[in-house]
Amino acid sequence: MAKDKNDETEVAAAPAAPAAQQQTLTVDDATVSAGYANFCRVSSTPEELILDLGLNPNPYAQGNVTVHVGQRIIMNHYTGKRLLSALSMALQRHEQAFGVLETDVRRRVKPTTTATR
């Protein structure tokens, strides 16, 4: 998620800490592998959230479709809530800049017209 492996973010310590100290977090993405997903399934246990990410090669297919999951991310609910907040802010900024994202594929598809002779 970081743009540069040397990105640094300052995070405030817990509000209850007597001396409000700063923490410097360095993100090392030197060995990260990037992937693409157009499918996400979210499931949950009492302790964890599970995100399955995969590629649906034909989102317009009819009938049975098998989506191969390429990545499974398991996190606790606190991290999930922080992820929700971060994704929400990023999507709000994107929509302010580029317009509303329509998530219903059927509403985005424009009907094609064929010429008759």
Protein backbone atom coordinates (compact mmCIF):
# COMPACT_ATOMS: atom_id res chain seq x y z
CA MET A 1 0.00 0.00 0.00
CA ALA A 2 2.95 2.31 0.51
CA LYS A 3 4.22 4.35 -2.41
CA ASP A 4 7.82 4.15 -1.31
CA LYS A 5 9.63 1.75 0.96
CA ASN A 6 10.97 4.69 2.91
CA ASP A 7 7.54 6.19 3.66
CA GLU A 8 7.26 7.27 7.27
CA THR A 9 4.03 7.91 9.10
CA GLU A 10 3.75 9.43 12.54
CA VAL A 11 1.09 7.87 14.70
CA ALA A 12 0.00 9.43 17.97
CA ALA A 13 0.28 7.23 21.03
CA ALA A 14 -2.84 6.12 22.88
CA PRO A 15 -4.71 9.10 24.35
CA ALA A 16 -4.39 7.67 27.88
CA ALA A 17 -0.57 7.74 27.76
CA PRO A 18 0.84 10.19 30.32
CA ALA A 19 3.43 11.70 27.96
CA ALA A 20 1.98 11.95 24.45
CA GLN A 21 4.87 10.40 22.57
CA GLN A 22 5.11 9.97 18.82
CA GLN A 23 5.86 6.68 17.10
CA THR A 24 7.66 6.55 13.78
CA LEU A 25 6.51 3.71 11.57
CA THR A 26 8.68 2.77 8.61
CA VAL A 27 7.05 0.63 5.91
CA ASP A 28 9.43 -1.76 4.13
CA ASP A 29 7.82 -2.94 0.90
CA ALA A 30 11.03 -4.23 -0.72
CA THR A 31 9.70 -7.79 -1.00
CA VAL A 32 6.02 -7.07 -1.61
CA SER A 33 4.24 -8.87 -4.43
CA ALA A 34 1.44 -7.03 -6.18
CA GLY A 35 -1.75 -8.68 -7.35
CA TYR A 36 -5.07 -7.75 -8.89
CA ALA A 37 -8.54 -8.77 -7.73
CA ASN A 38 -11.98 -8.01 -9.09
CA PHE A 39 -13.66 -10.37 -6.61
CA CYS A 40 -13.74 -10.21 -2.82
CA ARG A 41 -15.51 -12.45 -0.32
CA VAL A 42 -15.64 -11.46 3.34
CA SER A 43 -16.26 -14.00 6.07
CA SER A 44 -15.83 -13.86 9.82
CA THR A 45 -15.20 -15.86 12.95
CA PRO A 46 -15.60 -14.50 16.48
CA GLU A 47 -11.88 -13.61 16.47
CA GLU A 48 -11.03 -12.81 12.83
CA LEU A 49 -12.14 -11.31 9.55
CA ILE A 50 -11.20 -13.24 6.42
CA LEU A 51 -10.89 -11.55 3.02
CA ASP A 52 -10.62 -13.85 0.00
CA LEU A 53 -9.40 -12.00 -3.08
CA GLY A 54 -9.56 -13.46 -6.57
CA LEU A 55 -9.95 -12.88 -10.26
CA ASN A 56 -13.23 -13.43 -12.06
CA PRO A 57 -12.11 -13.61 -15.70
CA ASN A 58 -15.65 -13.20 -17.03
CA PRO A 59 -17.92 -11.17 -14.73
CA TYR A 60 -20.72 -11.25 -17.34
CA ALA A 61 -20.86 -15.06 -17.61
CA GLN A 62 -24.16 -16.85 -17.05
CA GLY A 63 -24.59 -20.03 -15.01
CA ASN A 64 -21.94 -21.55 -12.77
CA VAL A 65 -18.73 -19.54 -12.54
CA THR A 66 -15.64 -20.63 -10.61
CA VAL A 67 -13.52 -17.83 -9.18
CA HIS A 68 -10.02 -18.86 -8.14
CA VAL A 69 -8.95 -17.18 -4.89
CA GLY A 70 -5.37 -15.97 -5.19
CA GLN A 71 -4.96 -14.33 -1.80
CA ARG A 72 -6.51 -14.77 1.64
CA ILE A 73 -6.03 -11.97 4.16
CA ILE A 74 -6.83 -12.79 7.80
CA MET A 75 -7.00 -9.97 10.34
CA ASN A 76 -8.55 -9.20 13.70
CA HIS A 77 -11.68 -7.06 13.89
CA TYR A 78 -9.76 -3.99 15.10
CA THR A 79 -7.55 -4.05 12.02
CA GLY A 80 -10.64 -4.65 9.89
CA LYS A 81 -12.28 -1.55 11.33
CA ARG A 82 -9.16 0.52 10.62
CA LEU A 83 -9.09 -0.88 7.07
CA LEU A 84 -12.76 0.03 6.62
CA SER A 85 -12.05 3.61 7.68
CA ALA A 86 -8.97 3.92 5.43
CA LEU A 87 -10.79 2.47 2.40
CA SER A 88 -13.82 4.69 3.03
CA MET A 89 -11.66 7.84 3.10
CA ALA A 90 -9.75 6.80 -0.05
CA LEU A 91 -13.00 6.09 -1.94
CA GLN A 92 -14.56 9.39 -0.82
CA ARG A 93 -11.52 11.28 -2.16
CA HIS A 94 -11.69 9.34 -5.44
CA GLU A 95 -15.40 10.04 -5.90
CA GLN A 96 -14.90 13.74 -5.13
CA ALA A 97 -12.27 13.90 -7.86
CA PHE A 98 -13.80 11.59 -10.49
CA GLY A 99 -17.50 11.12 -9.70
CA VAL A 100 -19.61 8.44 -8.06
CA LEU A 101 -18.55 4.83 -8.55
CA GLU A 102 -21.49 2.66 -9.64
CA THR A 103 -21.01 -0.81 -8.15
CA ASP A 104 -23.91 -2.44 -10.02
CA VAL A 105 -22.33 -3.70 -13.25
CA ARG A 106 -25.71 -3.81 -15.03
CA ARG A 107 -26.13 -0.05 -14.55
CA ARG A 108 -22.66 0.63 -16.00
CA VAL A 109 -23.10 -1.43 -19.16
CA LYS A 110 -24.31 0.64 -22.05
CA PRO A 111 -26.64 -1.15 -24.50
CA THR A 112 -25.15 -1.63 -27.94
CA THR A 113 -27.13 -0.83 -31.04
CA THR A 114 -26.75 -2.80 -34.21
CA ALA A 115 -27.26 -1.26 -37.61
CA THR A 116 -29.95 -2.90 -39.74
CA ARG A 117 -29.97 -2.84 -43.51
